[in-house]
Protein backbone atom coordinates (compact mmCIF):
# COMPACT_ATOMS: atom_id res chain seq x y z
CA UNK A 1 18.34 -3.54 -5.23
CA UNK A 2 16.88 -2.24 -1.91
CA UNK A 3 13.44 -2.12 -3.44
CA UNK A 4 13.83 -5.79 -4.48
CA UNK A 5 14.87 -6.54 -0.87
CA UNK A 6 11.71 -4.82 0.42
CA UNK A 7 9.51 -6.81 -1.93
CA UNK A 8 11.08 -10.02 -0.73
CA UNK A 9 10.47 -8.93 2.88
CA UNK A 10 6.78 -8.25 2.17
CA UNK A 11 6.32 -11.53 0.33
CA UNK A 12 8.27 -13.74 2.79
CA UNK A 13 5.44 -14.07 5.39
CA UNK A 14 2.84 -15.19 2.82
CA UNK A 15 5.21 -17.57 1.19
CA UNK A 16 6.01 -19.08 4.61
CA UNK A 17 2.24 -19.46 5.21
CA UNK A 18 1.89 -21.24 1.97
CA UNK A 19 4.75 -23.61 2.95
CA UNK A 20 2.90 -24.51 6.16
CA UNK A 21 4.08 -22.04 8.78
CA UNK A 22 0.99 -21.19 11.00
CA UNK A 23 -0.46 -17.82 10.10
CA UNK A 24 -0.58 -16.83 13.80
CA UNK A 25 3.23 -16.66 13.45
CA UNK A 26 3.77 -15.40 9.95
CA UNK A 27 1.19 -12.70 10.05
CA UNK A 28 2.24 -11.27 13.45
CA UNK A 29 3.27 -7.63 13.12
CA UNK A 30 6.67 -8.29 14.65
CA UNK A 31 7.40 -11.25 12.27
CA UNK A 32 6.19 -9.09 9.37
CA UNK A 33 8.32 -6.20 10.44
CA UNK A 34 11.42 -8.54 10.95
CA UNK A 35 10.93 -9.94 7.37
CA UNK A 36 10.63 -6.45 5.82
CA UNK A 37 13.86 -5.41 7.81
CA UNK A 38 15.78 -8.54 6.84
CA UNK A 39 14.76 -7.98 3.19
CA UNK A 40 15.97 -4.43 3.14
CA UNK A 41 19.32 -5.38 4.84
CA UNK A 42 19.96 -8.20 2.34
CA UNK A 43 18.95 -5.90 -0.56
CA UNK A 44 21.25 -3.20 0.68
CA UNK A 45 24.16 -5.72 1.21
CA UNK A 46 23.69 -7.17 -2.24
CA UNK A 47 23.55 -3.63 -3.76
CA UNK A 48 26.81 -2.67 -1.98
CA UNK A 49 28.52 -5.93 -3.24
CA UNK A 50 27.38 -5.34 -6.82
CA UNK A 51 28.54 -1.77 -6.71
CA UNK A 52 31.87 -2.71 -5.14
CA UNK A 53 32.52 -5.65 -7.59
CA UNK A 54 30.59 -5.18 -10.78
CA UNK A 55 30.28 -1.42 -10.62
CA UNK A 56 34.00 -0.85 -10.28
CA UNK A 57 34.80 -3.10 -13.23
CA UNK A 58 32.05 -1.39 -15.30
CA UNK A 59 33.38 2.09 -14.27
CA UNK A 60 36.94 1.05 -15.36
CA UNK A 61 35.54 -0.20 -18.64
CA UNK A 62 33.65 3.09 -19.09
CA UNK A 63 36.78 5.20 -18.42
CA UNK A 64 38.94 3.10 -20.72
CA UNK A 65 36.35 3.30 -23.52
CA UNK A 66 36.16 7.05 -23.07
CA UNK A 67 39.95 7.28 -23.26
CA UNK A 68 39.97 5.22 -26.34
CA UNK A 69 37.28 7.38 -27.92
CA UNK A 70 39.18 10.52 -27.10
CA UNK A 71 42.49 9.15 -28.49
CA UNK A 72 40.79 7.92 -31.73
CA UNK A 73 39.24 11.40 -32.20
CA UNK A 74 42.51 13.10 -31.58
CA UNK A 75 44.71 10.93 -33.85
CA UNK A 76 42.15 11.06 -36.78
CA UNK A 77 43.25 14.54 -37.49
CA UNK A 78 46.87 14.40 -36.18
CA UNK A 79 49.96 12.30 -36.95
CA UNK A 80 50.72 11.90 -33.24
CA UNK A 81 51.94 8.68 -31.81
CA UNK A 82 49.21 6.54 -30.38
CA UNK A 83 49.14 6.82 -26.61
CA UNK A 84 46.64 4.08 -25.97
CA UNK A 85 48.34 0.82 -26.87
CA UNK A 86 47.13 -2.74 -25.74
CA UNK A 87 49.92 -2.66 -23.13
CA UNK A 88 48.55 0.48 -21.52
CA UNK A 89 44.84 0.24 -22.01
CA UNK A 90 43.93 -3.32 -21.98
CA UNK A 91 41.51 -4.71 -19.19
CA UNK A 92 42.64 -7.65 -17.06
CA UNK A 93 40.48 -10.74 -17.65
CA UNK A 94 40.14 -12.16 -14.12
CA UNK A 95 36.98 -14.16 -14.50
CA UNK A 96 35.20 -16.46 -16.87
CA UNK A 97 31.75 -14.88 -16.44
CA UNK A 98 29.94 -12.31 -18.59
CA UNK A 99 32.16 -9.54 -17.16
CA UNK A 100 35.27 -11.53 -18.31
CA UNK A 101 33.61 -11.86 -21.80
CA UNK A 102 33.09 -8.12 -21.91
CA UNK A 103 36.70 -7.44 -21.02
CA UNK A 104 37.97 -9.89 -23.68
CA UNK A 105 35.76 -8.19 -26.36
CA UNK A 106 37.11 -4.82 -25.22
CA UNK A 107 40.67 -6.05 -25.57
CA UNK A 108 40.02 -7.50 -29.00
CA UNK A 109 38.50 -4.19 -30.10
CA UNK A 110 41.50 -2.37 -28.71
CA UNK A 111 43.83 -4.67 -30.58
CA UNK A 112 42.06 -4.01 -33.80
CA UNK A 113 42.02 -0.35 -33.32
CA UNK A 114 45.73 -0.31 -32.56
CA UNK A 115 46.50 -2.37 -35.62
CA UNK A 116 44.48 0.13 -37.67
CA UNK A 117 46.44 3.07 -36.26
CA UNK A 118 49.69 1.46 -36.75
CA UNK A 119 48.95 0.63 -40.36
CA UNK A 120 47.67 4.15 -41.02
CA UNK A 121 50.88 5.55 -39.40
CA UNK A 122 52.94 3.40 -41.69
CA UNK A 123 51.04 4.46 -44.82
CA UNK A 124 51.42 8.19 -43.85
CA UNK A 125 55.10 7.60 -43.33
CA UNK A 126 55.58 5.87 -46.63
CA UNK A 127 53.60 8.49 -48.42
CA UNK A 128 55.64 11.36 -46.92
CA UNK A 129 58.93 9.57 -47.87
CA UNK A 130 58.07 8.99 -51.46
CA UNK A 131 56.53 12.46 -51.84
CA UNK A 132 59.76 14.01 -50.99
CA UNK A 133 61.54 12.82 -54.24
CA UNK A 134 60.99 13.92 -57.82
CA UNK A 135 64.18 12.54 -59.36
CA UNK A 136 63.48 8.94 -60.51
CA UNK A 137 66.75 7.39 -59.33
CA UNK A 138 66.29 8.67 -55.71
CA UNK A 139 62.54 7.82 -55.66
CA UNK A 140 62.91 4.03 -56.63
CA UNK A 141 65.60 3.58 -53.93
CA UNK A 142 63.39 5.26 -51.33
CA UNK A 143 60.39 3.04 -52.51
CA UNK A 144 62.48 -0.06 -52.32
CA UNK A 145 63.98 0.72 -48.91
CA UNK A 146 60.53 1.54 -47.42
CA UNK A 147 58.87 -1.63 -48.81
CA UNK A 148 61.63 -3.97 -47.65
CA UNK A 149 61.60 -2.38 -44.08
CA UNK A 150 57.79 -2.34 -43.70
CA UNK A 151 57.26 -5.85 -45.11
CA UNK A 152 60.41 -7.33 -43.45
CA UNK A 153 61.50 -8.74 -46.77
CA UNK A 154 64.95 -10.02 -47.36
CA UNK A 155 65.62 -8.47 -50.77
CA UNK A 156 63.70 -6.65 -53.46
CA UNK A 157 63.76 -4.63 -56.75
CA UNK A 158 61.79 -1.91 -58.41
CA UNK A 159 60.83 -2.61 -62.02
CA UNK A 160 59.94 0.40 -64.17
CA UNK A 161 58.17 0.27 -67.57
CA UNK A 162 59.19 2.71 -70.29
CA UNK A 163 57.65 2.43 -73.77
CA UNK A 164 56.54 -1.08 -73.09
CA UNK A 165 59.99 -2.16 -72.00
CA UNK A 166 60.71 -3.41 -68.39
CA UNK A 167 63.91 -2.50 -66.61
CA UNK A 168 65.35 -2.74 -63.22
CA UNK A 169 65.52 0.77 -61.67
CA UNK A 170 66.81 -0.32 -58.29
CA UNK A 171 67.50 -3.50 -56.35
CA UNK A 172 68.69 -4.67 -52.96
CA UNK A 173 70.27 -8.14 -52.42
CA UNK A 174 68.32 -9.65 -55.22
CA UNK A 175 70.59 -11.41 -57.75
CA UNK A 176 69.80 -13.01 -61.15
CA UNK A 177 67.99 -11.91 -64.15
CA UNK A 178 64.91 -10.42 -62.53
CA UNK A 179 63.10 -9.60 -65.72
CA UNK A 180 64.33 -12.69 -67.52
CA UNK A 181 60.94 -14.33 -67.41
CA UNK A 182 59.04 -11.33 -68.67
CA UNK A 183 55.87 -13.34 -69.15
CA UNK A 184 55.56 -13.82 -65.40
CA UNK A 185 56.00 -10.09 -64.68
CA UNK A 186 53.75 -9.07 -67.56
CA UNK A 187 50.96 -11.38 -66.13
CA UNK A 188 51.41 -9.79 -62.58
CA UNK A 189 51.23 -6.30 -64.06
CA UNK A 190 47.83 -6.91 -65.80
CA UNK A 191 45.85 -5.84 -62.68
CA UNK A 192 46.69 -3.67 -59.55
CA UNK A 193 46.32 -6.81 -57.31
CA UNK A 194 49.39 -8.01 -55.56
CA UNK A 195 50.60 -11.33 -56.81
CA UNK A 196 52.28 -14.02 -54.96
CA UNK A 197 55.01 -16.14 -56.83
CA UNK A 198 56.30 -19.26 -55.25
CA UNK A 199 59.52 -18.98 -57.03
CA UNK A 200 60.79 -16.45 -59.64
CA UNK A 201 63.09 -18.46 -61.96
CA UNK A 202 66.75 -17.64 -61.78
CA UNK A 203 66.46 -15.18 -58.93
CA UNK A 204 68.13 -15.56 -55.56
CA UNK A 205 68.57 -13.69 -52.26
CA UNK A 206 72.25 -12.58 -51.82
CA UNK A 207 73.11 -13.25 -48.28
CA UNK A 208 76.47 -12.51 -46.64
CA UNK A 209 77.86 -15.98 -46.95
CA UNK A 210 75.71 -17.61 -49.59
CA UNK A 211 72.95 -16.96 -52.03
CA UNK A 212 69.67 -18.93 -51.76
CA UNK A 213 66.30 -19.30 -53.36
CA UNK A 214 63.58 -17.29 -51.68
CA UNK A 215 60.64 -18.95 -49.97
CA UNK A 216 58.25 -16.55 -51.44
CA UNK A 217 58.04 -13.56 -53.86
CA UNK A 218 55.44 -10.75 -53.96
CA UNK A 219 54.93 -8.57 -57.03
CA UNK A 220 53.28 -5.31 -56.09
CA UNK A 221 52.06 -3.52 -59.31
CA UNK A 222 52.07 0.31 -59.40
CA UNK A 223 49.28 1.59 -61.48
CA UNK A 224 48.24 5.08 -62.38
CA UNK A 225 45.54 6.31 -64.69
CA UNK A 226 44.53 2.77 -65.60
CA UNK A 227 47.90 1.58 -66.72
CA UNK A 228 50.97 -0.19 -65.12
CA UNK A 229 54.04 2.03 -64.54
CA UNK A 230 56.13 -0.73 -62.89
CA UNK A 231 56.25 -2.94 -59.86
CA UNK A 232 57.97 -3.59 -56.54
CA UNK A 233 59.34 -7.13 -56.27
CA UNK A 234 59.94 -8.39 -52.83
CA UNK A 235 61.62 -11.68 -51.92
CA UNK A 236 61.32 -13.40 -48.54
CA UNK A 237 63.69 -15.86 -46.82
CA UNK A 238 60.80 -17.15 -44.78
CA UNK A 239 57.18 -17.65 -45.46
CA UNK A 240 55.21 -14.48 -46.27
CA UNK A 241 53.19 -13.21 -43.39
CA UNK A 242 49.41 -13.01 -44.70
CA UNK A 243 49.05 -9.48 -43.29
CA UNK A 244 52.02 -8.16 -45.28
CA UNK A 245 49.97 -8.00 -48.56
CA UNK A 246 47.24 -6.03 -46.91
CA UNK A 247 49.80 -3.51 -45.50
CA UNK A 248 51.43 -3.26 -48.94
CA UNK A 249 48.01 -2.50 -50.60
CA UNK A 250 47.92 0.73 -48.39
CA UNK A 251 51.23 1.78 -49.89
CA UNK A 252 50.28 1.40 -53.47
CA UNK A 253 48.30 4.61 -54.13
CA UNK A 254 50.80 7.07 -52.82
CA UNK A 255 53.71 5.15 -54.36
CA UNK A 256 52.06 5.05 -57.73
CA UNK A 257 51.41 8.81 -57.78
CA UNK A 258 54.97 9.55 -56.87
CA UNK A 259 56.30 7.12 -59.57
CA UNK A 260 54.12 8.77 -62.16
CA UNK A 261 55.25 12.15 -61.12
CA UNK A 262 58.90 11.10 -61.33
CA UNK A 263 58.44 9.57 -64.87
CA UNK A 264 56.64 12.61 -65.99
CA UNK A 265 59.35 14.80 -64.68
CA UNK A 266 62.02 12.61 -66.34
CA UNK A 267 60.16 12.96 -69.71
CA UNK A 268 59.90 16.79 -69.36
CA UNK A 269 63.53 17.05 -68.53
CA UNK A 270 64.41 14.94 -71.54
CA UNK A 271 62.18 16.99 -73.91
CA UNK A 272 63.66 20.12 -72.53
CA UNK A 273 67.23 18.80 -73.10
CA UNK A 274 66.78 17.36 -76.62
CA UNK A 275 66.76 18.94 -80.06
CA UNK A 276 63.37 17.89 -81.36
CA UNK A 277 64.57 17.32 -84.92
CA UNK A 278 67.76 15.31 -84.29
CA UNK A 279 66.97 13.73 -80.82
CA UNK A 280 70.49 14.81 -79.64
CA UNK A 281 71.10 17.50 -76.83
CA UNK A 282 70.24 21.01 -77.70
CA UNK A 283 72.77 23.71 -77.35
CA UNK A 284 71.74 25.06 -73.93
CA UNK A 285 71.78 21.62 -72.20
CA UNK A 286 74.71 20.30 -74.10
CA UNK A 287 76.98 23.33 -73.20
CA UNK A 288 75.99 22.88 -69.53
CA UNK A 289 77.17 19.25 -69.78
CA UNK A 290 80.42 20.47 -71.52
CA UNK A 291 80.95 22.90 -68.70
CA UNK A 292 80.57 20.10 -66.16
CA UNK A 293 83.09 17.84 -67.92
CA UNK A 294 85.43 20.72 -68.32
CA UNK A 295 85.47 21.54 -64.63
CA UNK A 296 85.95 17.82 -63.84
CA UNK A 297 88.90 17.54 -66.25
CA UNK A 298 90.49 20.76 -64.92
CA UNK A 299 90.21 19.53 -61.36
CA UNK A 300 91.39 15.91 -61.91
CA UNK A 301 93.77 16.34 -64.96
CA UNK A 302 91.88 13.54 -66.81
CA UNK A 303 91.68 13.96 -70.64
CA UNK A 304 88.53 15.53 -72.29
CA UNK A 305 87.96 14.84 -75.95
CA UNK A 306 86.09 17.22 -78.32
CA UNK A 307 84.82 16.86 -81.92
CA UNK A 308 83.37 19.83 -83.85
CA UNK A 309 81.57 18.71 -86.94
CA UNK A 310 79.91 20.68 -89.81
CA UNK A 311 77.98 19.13 -92.71
CA UNK A 312 79.57 20.12 -96.04
CA UNK A 313 77.58 22.14 -98.54
CA UNK A 314 74.36 21.83 -96.48
CA UNK A 315 72.96 25.01 -98.00
CA UNK A 316 73.18 23.43 -101.43
CA UNK A 317 71.23 20.44 -100.15
CA UNK A 318 68.51 22.68 -98.93
CA UNK A 319 68.49 24.87 -102.04
CA UNK A 320 68.50 21.77 -104.45
CA UNK A 321 66.32 19.31 -102.62
CA UNK A 322 64.36 21.47 -100.10
CA UNK A 323 64.30 21.68 -96.38
CA UNK A 324 62.63 18.40 -95.67
CA UNK A 325 65.58 16.72 -97.48
CA UNK A 326 67.86 18.82 -95.34
CA UNK A 327 66.05 17.62 -92.19
CA UNK A 328 66.51 13.98 -93.20
CA UNK A 329 70.17 14.68 -93.65
CA UNK A 330 70.44 16.10 -90.24
CA UNK A 331 68.54 13.21 -88.60
CA UNK A 332 70.81 10.76 -90.41
CA UNK A 333 73.96 12.33 -89.46
CA UNK A 334 72.74 12.70 -85.72
CA UNK A 335 71.73 9.07 -85.68
CA UNK A 336 75.21 7.97 -86.87
CA UNK A 337 76.86 10.15 -84.20
CA UNK A 338 74.70 8.72 -81.39
CA UNK A 339 75.31 5.12 -82.46
CA UNK A 340 79.10 5.70 -82.65
CA UNK A 341 79.66 7.20 -79.32
CA UNK A 342 79.84 5.48 -75.86
CA UNK A 343 77.42 5.71 -72.99
CA UNK A 344 78.31 8.96 -71.22
CA UNK A 345 79.45 10.72 -74.36
CA UNK A 346 77.43 13.78 -75.29
CA UNK A 347 76.23 14.60 -78.75
CA UNK A 348 75.06 18.25 -79.22
CA UNK A 349 73.49 20.17 -81.98
CA UNK A 350 75.13 23.51 -81.62
CA UNK A 351 73.78 25.13 -84.81
CA UNK A 352 71.86 24.56 -87.95
CA UNK A 353 74.20 21.86 -89.37
CA UNK A 354 76.86 22.04 -86.70
CA UNK A 355 77.40 19.43 -84.01
CA UNK A 356 79.70 19.00 -81.16
CA UNK A 357 80.71 15.70 -79.46
CA UNK A 358 82.00 15.74 -75.94
CA UNK A 359 84.03 12.64 -75.05
CA UNK A 360 85.07 12.44 -71.37
CA UNK A 361 88.27 10.58 -70.69
CA UNK A 362 89.37 10.41 -74.30
CA UNK A 363 92.92 10.82 -75.22
CA UNK A 364 94.29 12.10 -78.55
CA UNK A 365 94.07 8.76 -80.41
CA UNK A 366 90.60 8.00 -78.97
CA UNK A 367 89.32 11.26 -80.21
CA UNK A 368 90.86 10.78 -83.76
CA UNK A 369 89.69 7.19 -83.94
CA UNK A 370 86.00 8.24 -83.09
CA UNK A 371 86.20 11.25 -85.44
CA UNK A 372 87.34 9.12 -88.46
CA UNK A 373 84.70 6.48 -87.75
CA UNK A 374 81.87 9.16 -87.69
CA UNK A 375 83.33 10.82 -90.88
CA UNK A 376 83.54 7.55 -92.87
CA UNK A 377 80.01 6.35 -91.72
CA UNK A 378 78.35 9.65 -92.76
CA UNK A 379 80.11 9.68 -96.10
CA UNK A 380 78.93 6.10 -96.84
CA UNK A 381 75.39 6.73 -95.67
CA UNK A 382 72.82 7.07 -98.47
CA UNK A 383 69.71 9.25 -97.50
CA UNK A 384 66.40 8.49 -99.26
CA UNK A 385 64.72 11.76 -100.30
CA UNK A 386 61.98 10.27 -102.44
CA UNK A 387 63.03 9.53 -106.01
CA UNK A 388 66.73 10.10 -105.21
CA UNK A 389 69.38 9.04 -102.69
CA UNK A 390 71.97 11.41 -101.73
CA UNK A 391 75.02 11.37 -99.50
CA UNK A 392 76.92 14.15 -97.69
CA UNK A 393 80.26 14.57 -96.04
CA UNK A 394 81.39 16.30 -92.90
CA UNK A 395 84.40 18.43 -91.92
CA UNK A 396 85.54 17.66 -88.43
CA UNK A 397 87.89 19.29 -85.91
CA UNK A 398 89.06 17.54 -82.72
CA UNK A 399 91.42 17.75 -79.78
CA UNK A 400 92.02 16.23 -76.41
CA UNK A 401 92.18 18.61 -73.44
CA UNK A 402 94.29 17.50 -70.31
CA UNK A 403 93.06 20.12 -67.82
CA UNK A 404 95.78 22.72 -68.59
CA UNK A 405 96.23 26.08 -70.43
CA UNK A 406 92.64 26.78 -71.21
CA UNK A 407 90.46 29.03 -68.85
CA UNK A 408 87.01 28.04 -69.85
CA UNK A 409 85.05 25.63 -72.09
CA UNK A 410 84.41 28.46 -74.71
CA UNK A 411 88.17 28.37 -75.46
CA UNK A 412 87.88 24.61 -75.94
CA UNK A 413 85.14 24.95 -78.30
CA UNK A 414 86.96 27.70 -80.27
CA UNK A 415 90.12 25.55 -80.72
CA UNK A 416 87.94 22.64 -81.89
CA UNK A 417 86.05 24.97 -84.37
CA UNK A 418 89.55 26.21 -85.49
CA UNK A 419 90.43 22.64 -86.43
CA UNK A 420 87.10 22.06 -88.15
CA UNK A 421 87.50 25.31 -90.27
CA UNK A 422 90.98 24.02 -91.26
CA UNK A 423 89.24 20.86 -92.54
CA UNK A 424 86.89 22.99 -94.67
CA UNK A 425 89.71 25.17 -96.02
CA UNK A 426 91.78 22.17 -97.01
CA UNK A 427 89.11 20.47 -99.13
CA UNK A 428 86.44 19.33 -96.68
CA UNK A 429 85.46 15.73 -95.73
CA UNK A 430 88.47 15.71 -93.34
CA UNK A 431 89.37 15.31 -89.76
CA UNK A 432 91.87 17.92 -88.43
CA UNK A 433 93.25 17.39 -84.86
CA UNK A 434 95.23 19.89 -82.80
CA UNK A 435 98.16 18.30 -81.01
CA UNK A 436 101.01 20.03 -79.28
CA UNK A 437 99.70 23.37 -80.57
CA UNK A 438 99.94 22.29 -84.24
CA UNK A 439 97.36 21.53 -86.75
CA UNK A 440 97.53 18.02 -88.15
CA UNK A 441 95.39 16.75 -90.99
CA UNK A 442 94.44 13.20 -91.61
């Protein structure tokens, strides 16, 4: 800037001469020196003003950019909170010139970076929350609560697909038959893209005072390995913010991985608990369940029903028709037991052709009624073994325990077995119940 002033001072006498000032004045040494001095002074003053006004703002912009750069570098590898927010790092826009435009551009960049940081932090938080659960029932509740909170939704549900069948695994304030219009959900699950539905037929948001139809519904598919595992359905009382779908897209990968892990864990648990031939609980898992129900019955005094079943002459079936026929007989009998009991009852294969049914809350008459229903159904069943159809019978022993007298579930099983052996000794195809320490045959 001083050099420019010096240049102006040198050029000024010649320009003045061109403009008509007599050369005897403009080319005098003192005029020439004065012009040079004035040019240097003006240049220096301009330099000072530029440095004071423009330089200070550029220096502030430089410091802010360096601070943002450092913060961005630090938060890339750490989950720390963002220390440079628009409130603390924005530049004031106090002019409408180029410097004001630069400040506005910097502030817009800062807003974008802060939004990116916030989104990344939300994605990390959701991923950490869902990764902490392997049990499916706990996971779906965590997923739903996180999605509702992050998206500011009014209600929602998690839909899980098992063997091609959709079911509601968790829901919050969403009432109605959510999977009633399966076609809509199936269409939404055809790709991982989030689908916006204007109205999901028959579904409403359950408010404190009244239920009302949502203004918008988002279906967020959860895919893993190229197939749909389920979806999160979110309902909104107000219009959906356009940025919500972009945020939820960031949640999909970690949520899908967590849901796949939970479903695989559930399958492995089920395989570990079931007898592979009859699809009822195996002895190890079944006796653990019996122990749980025994402890509950002892603590609360509520009744606990037990049936002990043994297929009559099963060895003769194997010897006459072969083990494949025996396997069919076992599967048929187990299927009848499963279809006869209530949800919450436990059917256990305790031996080769021996089964135990644990019936929580069942009194004497309830146990007897169930035992007779199973006995008659097995007797009437005809099992196809190729060219022949055969039927078998079962001997059954049963009792209802009221949380007194017995010390452990093994004694309970022993008494039920005692009743079952009494049925065999008295002719088979019978139910024998123990009641007030007596054996009663039906």
